[in-house]
Amino acid sequence: MKFASLLCFAVLLVQAWDTASGQTVHGTVTDRTTGEPVGYANVYIEDTDRGTVADGRGIYTIETGAATPDHTLSFNCIGYDTCTVRLRDIPQDGTFDALLTPVPQDIEEVTVVPVKTRLRRLGNNFKSPLMEAVHSDSLATGAEFGTIIKIKKRTWLEEVRINILRCSYEDLVLRLNIYGRDDTGQFVNILRHPIYASVPRTDEPATVTISLADLHIMTEDDILVAYQCIDCSPIGEIRFPIGFTGARSLVRPHQGAAWGDTEWSFRFPINIIARVER
């Protein structure tokens, strides 16, 4: 009888492993307080390259690949606490609905300091088509592409500009993320609310401009300005001018992954217009 029980336990372990390994997990991401969907929430398996973004209705699907039952599936979005679940705790049909808890937003008092500033462009302003990077049909939803902006004096961010050469996607939506470093040196998002930008279909060079003036963002430390693909039509491509000198650029497959250097260490055409203290 004991042998039979052990055998049954072993079979259950194998079934659980098979369920987690190589399965498809799907469901919705919802605001725990309001019951409303959380559109474009980040969904990723920690310590792997698996990650995606929910659609505008909070619906997501992610393949677990070679992840084990001990891996953690995480959900996050600006303005919410992160929700996590072990793959072993997800039902065998792969359905898991995530509930995100809103983070209370403290209203900070804005102090206007009469300082002299000058308008400057910081970052990379590549426009030449001689060297380009191409994102095509396989553009990974959730992947991030960023450039480190060096800050030497108090700086107020006015707008972010991303140069493109051409875009054939019918619909392409990017999310802007701006990161500063915490006390441990890790990049953390300093935005309080998501910022989205639609990329127009164009056969000519263009600049995607995102205004930040109303947010009154001031920094005295280096920042990482990144764009993240969150939604696009299934067919198309977008081309960016790139360079090999200038501000350093980083990439990562999803928000739960570590940042790494770009292939061949090329630089992305991301720059900011800012008011810098004289």
C-alpha atoms as a PDB file:
ATOM      1  CA  MET A   1       0.000   0.000   0.000  1.00  0.00           C
ATOM      2  CA  LYS A   2       2.860   2.409   0.864  1.00  0.00           C
ATOM      3  CA  PHE A   3       4.553   1.626  -2.463  1.00  0.00           C
ATOM      4  CA  ALA A   4       1.321   2.348  -4.309  1.00  0.00           C
ATOM      5  CA  SER A   5       0.980   5.698  -2.513  1.00  0.00           C
ATOM      6  CA  LEU A   6       4.550   6.677  -3.372  1.00  0.00           C
ATOM      7  CA  LEU A   7       3.980   5.695  -6.996  1.00  0.00           C
ATOM      8  CA  CYS A   8       0.807   7.792  -7.127  1.00  0.00           C
ATOM      9  CA  PHE A   9       2.697  10.777  -5.615  1.00  0.00           C
ATOM     10  CA  ALA A  10       5.447  10.414  -8.217  1.00  0.00           C
ATOM     11  CA  VAL A  11       2.887  10.354 -11.036  1.00  0.00           C
ATOM     12  CA  LEU A  12       1.302  13.543  -9.696  1.00  0.00           C
ATOM     13  CA  LEU A  13       4.710  15.218  -9.590  1.00  0.00           C
ATOM     14  CA  VAL A  14       5.335  14.321 -13.220  1.00  0.00           C
ATOM     15  CA  GLN A  15       1.911  15.633 -14.209  1.00  0.00           C
ATOM     16  CA  ALA A  16       2.543  18.914 -12.367  1.00  0.00           C
ATOM     17  CA  TRP A  17       5.934  19.293 -14.047  1.00  0.00           C
ATOM     18  CA  ASP A  18       4.477  18.633 -17.468  1.00  0.00           C
ATOM     19  CA  THR A  19       1.735  21.153 -16.810  1.00  0.00           C
ATOM     20  CA  ALA A  20       4.228  23.903 -15.974  1.00  0.00           C
ATOM     21  CA  SER A  21       6.847  23.061 -18.573  1.00  0.00           C
ATOM     22  CA  GLY A  22       5.945  24.162 -22.073  1.00  0.00           C
ATOM     23  CA  GLN A  23       2.384  25.162 -21.268  1.00  0.00           C
ATOM     24  CA  THR A  24       0.434  28.239 -22.311  1.00  0.00           C
ATOM     25  CA  VAL A  25      -0.758  30.450 -19.473  1.00  0.00           C
ATOM     26  CA  HIS A  26      -3.553  32.888 -20.201  1.00  0.00           C
ATOM     27  CA  GLY A  27      -6.085  35.080 -18.446  1.00  0.00           C
ATOM     28  CA  THR A  28      -6.857  38.691 -17.618  1.00  0.00           C
ATOM     29  CA  VAL A  29      -5.163  41.383 -15.533  1.00  0.00           C
ATOM     30  CA  THR A  30      -7.616  43.373 -13.441  1.00  0.00           C
ATOM     31  CA  ASP A  31      -7.584  46.270 -10.980  1.00  0.00           C
ATOM     32  CA  ARG A  32      -8.364  44.689  -7.589  1.00  0.00           C
ATOM     33  CA  THR A  33     -10.200  47.806  -6.407  1.00  0.00           C
ATOM     34  CA  THR A  34     -12.311  48.787  -9.390  1.00  0.00           C
ATOM     35  CA  GLY A  35     -12.604  45.487 -11.232  1.00  0.00           C
ATOM     36  CA  GLU A  36     -11.553  47.254 -14.430  1.00  0.00           C
ATOM     37  CA  PRO A  37      -9.013  45.640 -16.764  1.00  0.00           C
ATOM     38  CA  VAL A  38      -5.418  46.845 -16.534  1.00  0.00           C
ATOM     39  CA  GLY A  39      -4.451  47.359 -20.149  1.00  0.00           C
ATOM     40  CA  TYR A  40      -0.877  46.776 -21.318  1.00  0.00           C
ATOM     41  CA  ALA A  41       0.306  45.280 -18.016  1.00  0.00           C
ATOM     42  CA  ASN A  42       3.736  43.628 -18.147  1.00  0.00           C
ATOM     43  CA  VAL A  43       3.671  39.823 -17.872  1.00  0.00           C
ATOM     44  CA  TYR A  44       6.910  37.861 -17.515  1.00  0.00           C
ATOM     45  CA  ILE A  45       8.498  34.758 -16.015  1.00  0.00           C
ATOM     46  CA  GLU A  46      11.261  35.780 -13.658  1.00  0.00           C
ATOM     47  CA  ASP A  47      14.816  34.644 -14.388  1.00  0.00           C
ATOM     48  CA  THR A  48      13.929  33.703 -17.983  1.00  0.00           C
ATOM     49  CA  ASP A  49      13.647  35.496 -21.326  1.00  0.00           C
ATOM     50  CA  ARG A  50       9.887  34.869 -21.396  1.00  0.00           C
ATOM     51  CA  GLY A  51       7.796  38.017 -21.279  1.00  0.00           C
ATOM     52  CA  THR A  52       4.932  39.834 -22.979  1.00  0.00           C
ATOM     53  CA  VAL A  53       2.369  42.585 -22.456  1.00  0.00           C
ATOM     54  CA  ALA A  54      -1.380  42.229 -21.954  1.00  0.00           C
ATOM     55  CA  ASP A  55      -3.557  43.863 -24.598  1.00  0.00           C
ATOM     56  CA  GLY A  56      -5.669  46.955 -24.028  1.00  0.00           C
ATOM     57  CA  ARG A  57      -8.381  44.841 -22.396  1.00  0.00           C
ATOM     58  CA  GLY A  58      -5.988  43.234 -19.937  1.00  0.00           C
ATOM     59  CA  ILE A  59      -5.995  39.891 -21.760  1.00  0.00           C
ATOM     60  CA  TYR A  60      -2.663  38.073 -21.927  1.00  0.00           C
ATOM     61  CA  THR A  61      -1.127  34.827 -23.185  1.00  0.00           C
ATOM     62  CA  ILE A  62       2.398  33.634 -22.430  1.00  0.00           C
ATOM     63  CA  GLU A  63       4.292  30.465 -23.322  1.00  0.00           C
ATOM     64  CA  THR A  64       6.306  29.108 -20.385  1.00  0.00           C
ATOM     65  CA  GLY A  65       8.876  27.395 -22.590  1.00  0.00           C
ATOM     66  CA  ALA A  66      11.510  25.592 -20.518  1.00  0.00           C
ATOM     67  CA  ALA A  67      10.455  27.216 -17.238  1.00  0.00           C
ATOM     68  CA  THR A  68      10.021  24.865 -14.294  1.00  0.00           C
ATOM     69  CA  PRO A  69       7.139  24.734 -11.784  1.00  0.00           C
ATOM     70  CA  ASP A  70       9.322  26.683  -9.335  1.00  0.00           C
ATOM     71  CA  HIS A  71       9.569  29.689 -11.645  1.00  0.00           C
ATOM     72  CA  THR A  72       7.502  32.772 -10.813  1.00  0.00           C
ATOM     73  CA  LEU A  73       5.051  34.476 -13.158  1.00  0.00           C
ATOM     74  CA  SER A  74       4.896  38.224 -12.458  1.00  0.00           C
ATOM     75  CA  PHE A  75       2.465  40.981 -13.429  1.00  0.00           C
ATOM     76  CA  ASN A  76       3.141  44.694 -13.049  1.00  0.00           C
ATOM     77  CA  CYS A  77       2.131  48.082 -14.340  1.00  0.00           C
ATOM     78  CA  ILE A  78       2.978  51.643 -13.336  1.00  0.00           C
ATOM     79  CA  GLY A  79       0.764  52.629 -10.405  1.00  0.00           C
ATOM     80  CA  TYR A  80       0.285  49.068  -9.092  1.00  0.00           C
ATOM     81  CA  ASP A  81       2.033  46.623  -6.796  1.00  0.00           C
ATOM     82  CA  THR A  82       3.517  43.582  -8.529  1.00  0.00           C
ATOM     83  CA  CYS A  83       1.422  40.389  -8.466  1.00  0.00           C
ATOM     84  CA  THR A  84       3.242  37.035  -8.531  1.00  0.00           C
ATOM     85  CA  VAL A  85       2.323  33.346  -8.712  1.00  0.00           C
ATOM     86  CA  ARG A  86       4.395  30.165  -8.923  1.00  0.00           C
ATOM     87  CA  LEU A  87       3.810  28.205 -12.103  1.00  0.00           C
ATOM     88  CA  ARG A  88       3.106  25.101 -10.005  1.00  0.00           C
ATOM     89  CA  ASP A  89       0.087  26.900  -8.494  1.00  0.00           C
ATOM     90  CA  ILE A  90      -1.569  27.646 -11.846  1.00  0.00           C
ATOM     91  CA  PRO A  91      -4.455  25.280 -12.761  1.00  0.00           C
ATOM     92  CA  GLN A  92      -3.739  22.598 -15.352  1.00  0.00           C
ATOM     93  CA  ASP A  93      -5.865  24.380 -17.957  1.00  0.00           C
ATOM     94  CA  GLY A  94      -3.366  27.262 -17.774  1.00  0.00           C
ATOM     95  CA  THR A  95      -5.891  29.904 -16.710  1.00  0.00           C
ATOM     96  CA  PHE A  96      -4.780  32.543 -14.213  1.00  0.00           C
ATOM     97  CA  ASP A  97      -6.469  35.906 -13.646  1.00  0.00           C
ATOM     98  CA  ALA A  98      -4.175  38.417 -11.952  1.00  0.00           C
ATOM     99  CA  LEU A  99      -5.442  41.093  -9.574  1.00  0.00           C
ATOM    100  CA  LEU A 100      -3.255  44.189  -9.249  1.00  0.00           C
ATOM    101  CA  THR A 101      -3.476  46.390  -6.172  1.00  0.00           C
ATOM    102  CA  PRO A 102      -3.219  50.154  -6.844  1.00  0.00           C
ATOM    103  CA  VAL A 103      -0.385  51.996  -5.098  1.00  0.00           C
ATOM    104  CA  PRO A 104      -1.587  55.134  -3.269  1.00  0.00           C
ATOM    105  CA  GLN A 105      -0.305  58.214  -5.098  1.00  0.00           C
ATOM    106  CA  ASP A 106       0.905  60.942  -2.766  1.00  0.00           C
ATOM    107  CA  ILE A 107       0.517  64.421  -4.186  1.00  0.00           C
ATOM    108  CA  GLU A 108       3.862  66.164  -3.973  1.00  0.00           C
ATOM    109  CA  GLU A 109       4.039  69.891  -3.466  1.00  0.00           C
ATOM    110  CA  VAL A 110       5.651  71.569  -6.450  1.00  0.00           C
ATOM    111  CA  THR A 111       8.145  74.244  -5.439  1.00  0.00           C
ATOM    112  CA  VAL A 112       9.019  76.763  -8.118  1.00  0.00           C
ATOM    113  CA  VAL A 113      12.637  77.832  -7.787  1.00  0.00           C
ATOM    114  CA  PRO A 114      13.762  80.864  -9.819  1.00  0.00           C
ATOM    115  CA  VAL A 115      16.884  79.444 -11.471  1.00  0.00           C
ATOM    116  CA  LYS A 116      18.489  80.258 -14.769  1.00  0.00           C
ATOM    117  CA  THR A 117      18.327  77.416 -17.264  1.00  0.00           C
ATOM    118  CA  ARG A 118      19.218  76.811 -20.857  1.00  0.00           C
ATOM    119  CA  LEU A 119      17.461  74.529 -23.313  1.00  0.00           C
ATOM    120  CA  ARG A 120      19.594  71.568 -24.360  1.00  0.00           C
ATOM    121  CA  ARG A 121      19.313  68.328 -26.317  1.00  0.00           C
ATOM    122  CA  LEU A 122      20.726  65.297 -24.499  1.00  0.00           C
ATOM    123  CA  GLY A 123      21.208  61.787 -25.848  1.00  0.00           C
ATOM    124  CA  ASN A 124      21.420  60.543 -29.436  1.00  0.00           C
ATOM    125  CA  ASN A 125      19.946  62.434 -32.366  1.00  0.00           C
ATOM    126  CA  PHE A 126      20.882  60.092 -35.224  1.00  0.00           C
ATOM    127  CA  LYS A 127      19.047  60.738 -38.496  1.00  0.00           C
ATOM    128  CA  SER A 128      21.308  59.286 -41.206  1.00  0.00           C
ATOM    129  CA  PRO A 129      20.021  56.163 -43.042  1.00  0.00           C
ATOM    130  CA  LEU A 130      23.589  54.887 -43.533  1.00  0.00           C
ATOM    131  CA  MET A 131      23.224  52.634 -40.469  1.00  0.00           C
ATOM    132  CA  GLU A 132      19.874  51.350 -39.296  1.00  0.00           C
ATOM    133  CA  ALA A 133      18.221  48.862 -36.961  1.00  0.00           C
ATOM    134  CA  VAL A 134      15.109  47.034 -38.119  1.00  0.00           C
ATOM    135  CA  HIS A 135      12.239  45.675 -36.032  1.00  0.00           C
ATOM    136  CA  SER A 136      10.055  43.481 -38.243  1.00  0.00           C
ATOM    137  CA  ASP A 137       7.040  41.151 -37.948  1.00  0.00           C
ATOM    138  CA  SER A 138       8.681  39.352 -35.041  1.00  0.00           C
ATOM    139  CA  LEU A 139       8.877  42.540 -32.957  1.00  0.00           C
ATOM    140  CA  ALA A 140       8.726  41.202 -29.398  1.00  0.00           C
ATOM    141  CA  THR A 141       5.879  42.689 -27.396  1.00  0.00           C
ATOM    142  CA  GLY A 142       7.256  43.807 -24.046  1.00  0.00           C
ATOM    143  CA  ALA A 143      10.865  44.230 -25.160  1.00  0.00           C
ATOM    144  CA  GLU A 144      12.559  47.483 -24.135  1.00  0.00           C
ATOM    145  CA  PHE A 145      15.157  49.609 -25.892  1.00  0.00           C
ATOM    146  CA  GLY A 146      16.760  52.447 -23.957  1.00  0.00           C
ATOM    147  CA  THR A 147      19.502  55.060 -23.897  1.00  0.00           C
ATOM    148  CA  ILE A 148      21.342  56.362 -20.845  1.00  0.00           C
ATOM    149  CA  ILE A 149      21.144  60.148 -20.537  1.00  0.00           C
ATOM    150  CA  LYS A 150      24.033  61.688 -18.610  1.00  0.00           C
ATOM    151  CA  ILE A 151      22.976  64.428 -16.180  1.00  0.00           C
ATOM    152  CA  LYS A 152      25.518  66.853 -14.722  1.00  0.00           C
ATOM    153  CA  LYS A 153      23.311  69.601 -13.256  1.00  0.00           C
ATOM    154  CA  ARG A 154      19.717  69.945 -12.188  1.00  0.00           C
ATOM    155  CA  THR A 155      17.683  69.114 -15.270  1.00  0.00           C
ATOM    156  CA  TRP A 156      13.987  69.489 -16.043  1.00  0.00           C
ATOM    157  CA  LEU A 157      12.672  67.143 -18.746  1.00  0.00           C
ATOM    158  CA  GLU A 158      10.623  68.830 -21.460  1.00  0.00           C
ATOM    159  CA  GLU A 159      10.117  66.129 -24.098  1.00  0.00           C
ATOM    160  CA  VAL A 160      11.459  62.840 -25.426  1.00  0.00           C
ATOM    161  CA  ARG A 161      12.206  62.393 -29.126  1.00  0.00           C
ATOM    162  CA  ILE A 162      12.689  59.104 -30.977  1.00  0.00           C
ATOM    163  CA  ASN A 163      13.857  59.324 -34.588  1.00  0.00           C
ATOM    164  CA  ILE A 164      12.650  56.780 -37.145  1.00  0.00           C
ATOM    165  CA  LEU A 165      13.437  56.267 -40.823  1.00  0.00           C
ATOM    166  CA  ARG A 166      10.201  54.579 -41.849  1.00  0.00           C
ATOM    167  CA  CYS A 167       7.355  52.510 -40.397  1.00  0.00           C
ATOM    168  CA  SER A 168       5.024  50.160 -42.280  1.00  0.00           C
ATOM    169  CA  TYR A 169       3.004  48.936 -39.279  1.00  0.00           C
ATOM    170  CA  GLU A 170      -0.651  49.895 -39.491  1.00  0.00           C
ATOM    171  CA  ASP A 171      -0.763  50.179 -35.718  1.00  0.00           C
ATOM    172  CA  LEU A 172       2.265  50.487 -33.463  1.00  0.00           C
ATOM    173  CA  VAL A 173       2.027  51.711 -29.882  1.00  0.00           C
ATOM    174  CA  LEU A 174       5.052  52.365 -27.681  1.00  0.00           C
ATOM    175  CA  ARG A 175       5.175  52.942 -23.944  1.00  0.00           C
ATOM    176  CA  LEU A 176       7.704  55.409 -22.617  1.00  0.00           C
ATOM    177  CA  ASN A 177       9.613  54.380 -19.491  1.00  0.00           C
ATOM    178  CA  ILE A 178      12.046  56.604 -17.615  1.00  0.00           C
ATOM    179  CA  TYR A 179      14.325  55.006 -15.036  1.00  0.00           C
ATOM    180  CA  GLY A 180      16.530  56.384 -12.299  1.00  0.00           C
ATOM    181  CA  ARG A 181      18.786  54.364 -10.011  1.00  0.00           C
ATOM    182  CA  ASP A 182      17.753  53.374  -6.481  1.00  0.00           C
ATOM    183  CA  ASP A 183      20.078  53.048  -3.477  1.00  0.00           C
ATOM    184  CA  THR A 184      21.292  49.644  -4.713  1.00  0.00           C
ATOM    185  CA  GLY A 185      22.123  50.946  -8.188  1.00  0.00           C
ATOM    186  CA  GLN A 186      19.178  49.236  -9.868  1.00  0.00           C
ATOM    187  CA  PHE A 187      17.041  51.043 -12.432  1.00  0.00           C
ATOM    188  CA  VAL A 188      13.527  51.899 -11.161  1.00  0.00           C
ATOM    189  CA  ASN A 189      10.765  53.621 -13.105  1.00  0.00           C
ATOM    190  CA  ILE A 190      10.283  57.204 -11.915  1.00  0.00           C
ATOM    191  CA  LEU A 191       7.013  57.761 -13.782  1.00  0.00           C
ATOM    192  CA  ARG A 192       3.765  57.755 -11.817  1.00  0.00           C
ATOM    193  CA  HIS A 193       1.474  57.062 -14.757  1.00  0.00           C
ATOM    194  CA  PRO A 194       1.941  55.204 -18.057  1.00  0.00           C
ATOM    195  CA  ILE A 195       2.813  57.308 -21.107  1.00  0.00           C
ATOM    196  CA  TYR A 196       1.922  55.969 -24.557  1.00  0.00           C
ATOM    197  CA  ALA A 197       2.811  57.097 -28.052  1.00  0.00           C
ATOM    198  CA  SER A 198       1.463  55.963 -31.415  1.00  0.00           C
ATOM    199  CA  VAL A 199       3.973  55.642 -34.238  1.00  0.00           C
ATOM    200  CA  PRO A 200       2.557  56.832 -37.577  1.00  0.00           C
ATOM    201  CA  ARG A 201       2.855  54.772 -40.728  1.00  0.00           C
ATOM    202  CA  THR A 202       5.356  56.628 -42.890  1.00  0.00           C
ATOM    203  CA  ASP A 203       7.783  56.104 -45.759  1.00  0.00           C
ATOM    204  CA  GLU A 204       9.741  59.198 -44.778  1.00  0.00           C
ATOM    205  CA  PRO A 205      11.982  59.956 -41.780  1.00  0.00           C
ATOM    206  CA  ALA A 206       9.965  61.196 -38.814  1.00  0.00           C
ATOM    207  CA  THR A 207      10.324  61.955 -35.130  1.00  0.00           C
ATOM    208  CA  VAL A 208       8.040  60.580 -32.421  1.00  0.00           C
ATOM    209  CA  THR A 209       7.736  63.389 -29.854  1.00  0.00           C
ATOM    210  CA  ILE A 210       6.428  62.816 -26.315  1.00  0.00           C
ATOM    211  CA  SER A 211       5.823  65.884 -24.150  1.00  0.00           C
ATOM    212  CA  LEU A 212       6.840  65.740 -20.484  1.00  0.00           C
ATOM    213  CA  ALA A 213       6.538  69.435 -19.588  1.00  0.00           C
ATOM    214  CA  ASP A 214       3.338  69.024 -17.556  1.00  0.00           C
ATOM    215  CA  LEU A 215       4.921  66.315 -15.385  1.00  0.00           C
ATOM    216  CA  HIS A 216       7.561  68.640 -13.895  1.00  0.00           C
ATOM    217  CA  ILE A 217      10.220  65.911 -13.810  1.00  0.00           C
ATOM    218  CA  MET A 218      13.481  67.174 -12.351  1.00  0.00           C
ATOM    219  CA  THR A 219      16.574  65.022 -11.948  1.00  0.00           C
ATOM    220  CA  GLU A 220      20.141  65.508 -10.802  1.00  0.00           C
ATOM    221  CA  ASP A 221      21.244  61.973 -11.674  1.00  0.00           C
ATOM    222  CA  ASP A 222      21.635  59.957 -14.862  1.00  0.00           C
ATOM    223  CA  ILE A 223      18.439  58.451 -16.265  1.00  0.00           C
ATOM    224  CA  LEU A 224      17.607  55.644 -18.679  1.00  0.00           C
ATOM    225  CA  VAL A 225      14.968  56.638 -21.236  1.00  0.00           C
ATOM    226  CA  ALA A 226      13.389  53.627 -22.940  1.00  0.00           C
ATOM    227  CA  TYR A 227      10.620  52.736 -25.330  1.00  0.00           C
ATOM    228  CA  GLN A 228       8.698  49.479 -25.038  1.00  0.00           C
ATOM    229  CA  CYS A 229       6.580  47.892 -27.743  1.00  0.00           C
ATOM    230  CA  ILE A 230       3.164  47.111 -26.293  1.00  0.00           C
ATOM    231  CA  ASP A 231       0.921  46.707 -29.332  1.00  0.00           C
ATOM    232  CA  CYS A 232       1.391  46.387 -33.086  1.00  0.00           C
ATOM    233  CA  SER A 233      -0.222  44.922 -36.172  1.00  0.00           C
ATOM    234  CA  PRO A 234       1.047  41.411 -37.059  1.00  0.00           C
ATOM    235  CA  ILE A 235       2.800  42.469 -40.254  1.00  0.00           C
ATOM    236  CA  GLY A 236       5.162  45.367 -40.818  1.00  0.00           C
ATOM    237  CA  GLU A 237       8.516  46.807 -39.872  1.00  0.00           C
ATOM    238  CA  ILE A 238      10.037  49.903 -38.364  1.00  0.00           C
ATOM    239  CA  ARG A 239      13.529  51.205 -39.124  1.00  0.00           C
ATOM    240  CA  PHE A 240      15.637  53.374 -36.826  1.00  0.00           C
ATOM    241  CA  PRO A 241      18.860  55.252 -37.603  1.00  0.00           C
ATOM    242  CA  ILE A 242      21.665  54.051 -35.311  1.00  0.00           C
ATOM    243  CA  GLY A 243      25.250  54.977 -34.513  1.00  0.00           C
ATOM    244  CA  PHE A 244      28.265  53.542 -32.747  1.00  0.00           C
ATOM    245  CA  THR A 245      29.223  56.641 -30.804  1.00  0.00           C
ATOM    246  CA  GLY A 246      27.220  58.738 -28.379  1.00  0.00           C
ATOM    247  CA  ALA A 247      25.126  57.864 -25.349  1.00  0.00           C
ATOM    248  CA  ARG A 248      25.195  54.178 -24.387  1.00  0.00           C
ATOM    249  CA  SER A 249      22.101  52.120 -25.196  1.00  0.00           C
ATOM    250  CA  LEU A 250      20.696  49.045 -23.425  1.00  0.00           C
ATOM    251  CA  VAL A 251      18.083  46.390 -24.203  1.00  0.00           C
ATOM    252  CA  ARG A 252      16.108  43.720 -22.377  1.00  0.00           C
ATOM    253  CA  PRO A 253      13.453  41.195 -23.479  1.00  0.00           C
ATOM    254  CA  HIS A 254      10.913  42.193 -20.817  1.00  0.00           C
ATOM    255  CA  GLN A 255      10.632  44.287 -17.653  1.00  0.00           C
ATOM    256  CA  GLY A 256      11.633  41.458 -15.350  1.00  0.00           C
ATOM    257  CA  ALA A 257      14.933  40.828 -17.144  1.00  0.00           C
ATOM    258  CA  ALA A 258      18.317  42.433 -16.622  1.00  0.00           C
ATOM    259  CA  TRP A 259      19.469  45.217 -18.919  1.00  0.00           C
ATOM    260  CA  GLY A 260      22.262  44.373 -21.341  1.00  0.00           C
ATOM    261  CA  ASP A 261      24.289  46.059 -24.048  1.00  0.00           C
ATOM    262  CA  THR A 262      22.964  46.151 -27.593  1.00  0.00           C
ATOM    263  CA  GLU A 263      24.384  43.932 -30.314  1.00  0.00           C
ATOM    264  CA  TRP A 264      27.739  45.379 -31.454  1.00  0.00           C
ATOM    265  CA  SER A 265      27.136  48.127 -28.850  1.00  0.00           C
ATOM    266  CA  PHE A 266      25.218  50.332 -31.276  1.00  0.00           C
ATOM    267  CA  ARG A 267      23.248  53.312 -29.984  1.00  0.00           C
ATOM    268  CA  PHE A 268      19.523  54.036 -30.331  1.00  0.00           C
ATOM    269  CA  PRO A 269      18.237  57.440 -31.607  1.00  0.00           C
ATOM    270  CA  ILE A 270      16.620  58.498 -28.325  1.00  0.00           C
ATOM    271  CA  ASN A 271      17.148  62.036 -27.065  1.00  0.00           C
ATOM    272  CA  ILE A 272      15.493  64.487 -24.725  1.00  0.00           C
ATOM    273  CA  ILE A 273      14.933  68.213 -24.817  1.00  0.00           C
ATOM    274  CA  ALA A 274      15.569  69.558 -21.322  1.00  0.00           C
ATOM    275  CA  ARG A 275      16.089  72.746 -19.360  1.00  0.00           C
ATOM    276  CA  VAL A 276      19.470  72.491 -17.664  1.00  0.00           C
ATOM    277  CA  GLU A 277      20.521  74.731 -14.798  1.00  0.00           C
ATOM    278  CA  ARG A 278      23.232  77.207 -15.807  1.00  0.00           C
END
